[in-house]
Amino acid sequence: MRRTSKLFIALVTLGAAAIALLASSPAFAQGVDPAIADRDKWLGLGAALAIGLSALGGGIGQGHAAAAALEGISRNPQASGKIFTPMIVGLALIESLVIYGLLIAFQLSGKIG
């Protein structure tokens, strides 16, 4: 009985919040110039592609770099000191390219609106 009443209260609250959310959007909507809306659409897509592709490429690149370094260390454990430092530098450079993609995405999303 107690669990059912808690569930009922949660559903009523969630339903009221959904109704308020759906009713407020048309109430505060304002007309937008179609050219600006089209430009904003492409800016949003560009921002999403900038961060998505840079994160995908960075992840793949870091995976290959780490795999190659670990394979080299497993073949010759004495060379681990000579392999480890360049691997870390390479991973940092790969990550910097991902951060550049993030900055581009922030700049493009700042132009929306």
Protein backbone atom coordinates (compact mmCIF):
# COMPACT_ATOMS: atom_id res chain seq x y z
CA MET A 1 0.00 0.00 0.00
CA ARG A 2 2.75 2.41 0.93
CA ARG A 3 4.82 1.61 -2.14
CA THR A 4 1.81 2.10 -4.39
CA SER A 5 1.08 5.54 -2.97
CA LYS A 6 4.70 6.62 -3.48
CA LEU A 7 4.57 5.41 -7.06
CA PHE A 8 1.29 7.25 -7.63
CA ILE A 9 2.71 10.50 -6.23
CA ALA A 10 5.82 10.16 -8.40
CA LEU A 11 3.75 9.57 -11.54
CA VAL A 12 1.45 12.51 -10.80
CA THR A 13 4.43 14.79 -10.21
CA LEU A 14 6.14 13.58 -13.37
CA GLY A 15 2.95 14.07 -15.36
CA ALA A 16 2.49 17.60 -14.04
CA ALA A 17 6.09 18.45 -14.92
CA ALA A 18 5.65 17.06 -18.43
CA ILE A 19 2.47 19.08 -18.96
CA ALA A 20 4.18 22.26 -17.72
CA LEU A 21 7.13 21.62 -20.00
CA LEU A 22 5.00 20.97 -23.06
CA ALA A 23 2.70 23.93 -22.43
CA SER A 24 5.46 26.47 -21.83
CA SER A 25 7.25 26.02 -25.16
CA PRO A 26 4.48 27.38 -27.41
CA ALA A 27 3.66 30.12 -24.91
CA PHE A 28 7.12 31.66 -25.10
CA ALA A 29 7.87 30.86 -28.74
CA GLN A 30 8.78 33.73 -31.00
CA GLY A 31 9.25 34.03 -34.72
CA VAL A 32 12.71 33.34 -36.10
CA ASP A 33 14.09 34.45 -39.41
CA PRO A 34 14.37 31.34 -41.61
CA ALA A 35 17.87 32.32 -42.76
CA ILE A 36 19.09 32.54 -39.15
CA ALA A 37 17.43 29.24 -38.28
CA ASP A 38 19.11 27.57 -41.27
CA ARG A 39 22.50 29.03 -40.33
CA ASP A 40 22.09 27.90 -36.71
CA LYS A 41 21.22 24.41 -37.87
CA TRP A 42 24.46 24.12 -39.84
CA LEU A 43 26.52 25.68 -37.04
CA GLY A 44 25.14 23.10 -34.61
CA LEU A 45 25.91 20.28 -37.02
CA GLY A 46 29.43 21.63 -37.54
CA ALA A 47 30.02 21.81 -33.79
CA ALA A 48 28.78 18.27 -33.31
CA LEU A 49 30.97 16.97 -36.12
CA ALA A 50 34.02 18.87 -34.84
CA ILE A 51 33.95 17.32 -31.40
CA GLY A 52 32.66 13.93 -32.56
CA LEU A 53 35.23 13.34 -35.27
CA SER A 54 38.12 14.70 -33.24
CA ALA A 55 37.20 12.47 -30.28
CA LEU A 56 36.80 9.46 -32.59
CA GLY A 57 40.12 10.08 -34.32
CA GLY A 58 41.89 10.79 -31.05
CA GLY A 59 40.55 7.61 -29.47
CA ILE A 60 41.60 5.49 -32.42
CA GLY A 61 45.03 7.15 -32.56
CA GLN A 62 45.65 6.73 -28.86
CA GLY A 63 44.55 3.12 -29.04
CA HIS A 64 46.99 2.36 -31.85
CA ALA A 65 49.83 4.22 -30.14
CA ALA A 66 49.32 2.44 -26.82
CA ALA A 67 48.97 -0.94 -28.53
CA ALA A 68 52.19 -0.44 -30.46
CA ALA A 69 54.05 0.70 -27.34
CA LEU A 70 52.82 -2.24 -25.30
CA GLU A 71 53.72 -4.65 -28.09
CA GLY A 72 57.22 -3.17 -28.23
CA ILE A 73 57.61 -3.44 -24.47
CA SER A 74 56.36 -7.02 -24.47
CA ARG A 75 58.86 -8.00 -27.16
CA ASN A 76 61.77 -6.25 -25.43
CA PRO A 77 61.10 -5.48 -21.74
CA GLN A 78 64.52 -3.82 -21.31
CA ALA A 79 63.48 -1.06 -23.74
CA SER A 80 60.45 -0.04 -21.68
CA GLY A 81 62.15 3.15 -20.47
CA LYS A 82 63.00 4.19 -24.02
CA ILE A 83 59.48 3.44 -25.27
CA PHE A 84 57.42 4.82 -22.40
CA THR A 85 58.44 8.51 -22.56
CA PRO A 86 57.92 8.98 -26.33
CA MET A 87 54.59 7.17 -26.01
CA ILE A 88 53.41 9.63 -23.34
CA VAL A 89 54.53 12.59 -25.47
CA GLY A 90 52.73 11.14 -28.48
CA LEU A 91 49.54 10.57 -26.49
CA ALA A 92 49.68 14.16 -25.23
CA LEU A 93 50.02 15.47 -28.79
CA ILE A 94 47.10 13.33 -29.94
CA GLU A 95 45.01 14.65 -27.04
CA SER A 96 45.91 18.24 -27.94
CA LEU A 97 44.28 17.71 -31.34
CA VAL A 98 41.10 16.58 -29.60
CA ILE A 99 41.20 19.73 -27.46
CA TYR A 100 41.48 21.81 -30.65
CA GLY A 101 38.33 20.11 -31.90
CA LEU A 102 36.62 20.96 -28.61
CA LEU A 103 37.64 24.63 -28.96
CA ILE A 104 36.28 24.74 -32.50
CA ALA A 105 33.01 23.21 -31.31
CA PHE A 106 32.74 25.83 -28.55
CA GLN A 107 33.38 28.64 -31.02
CA LEU A 108 30.74 27.34 -33.42
CA SER A 109 28.18 26.80 -30.69
CA GLY A 110 28.83 30.34 -29.43
CA LYS A 111 27.70 31.72 -32.78
CA ILE A 112 24.30 30.02 -32.53
CA GLY A 113 21.42 32.31 -31.70
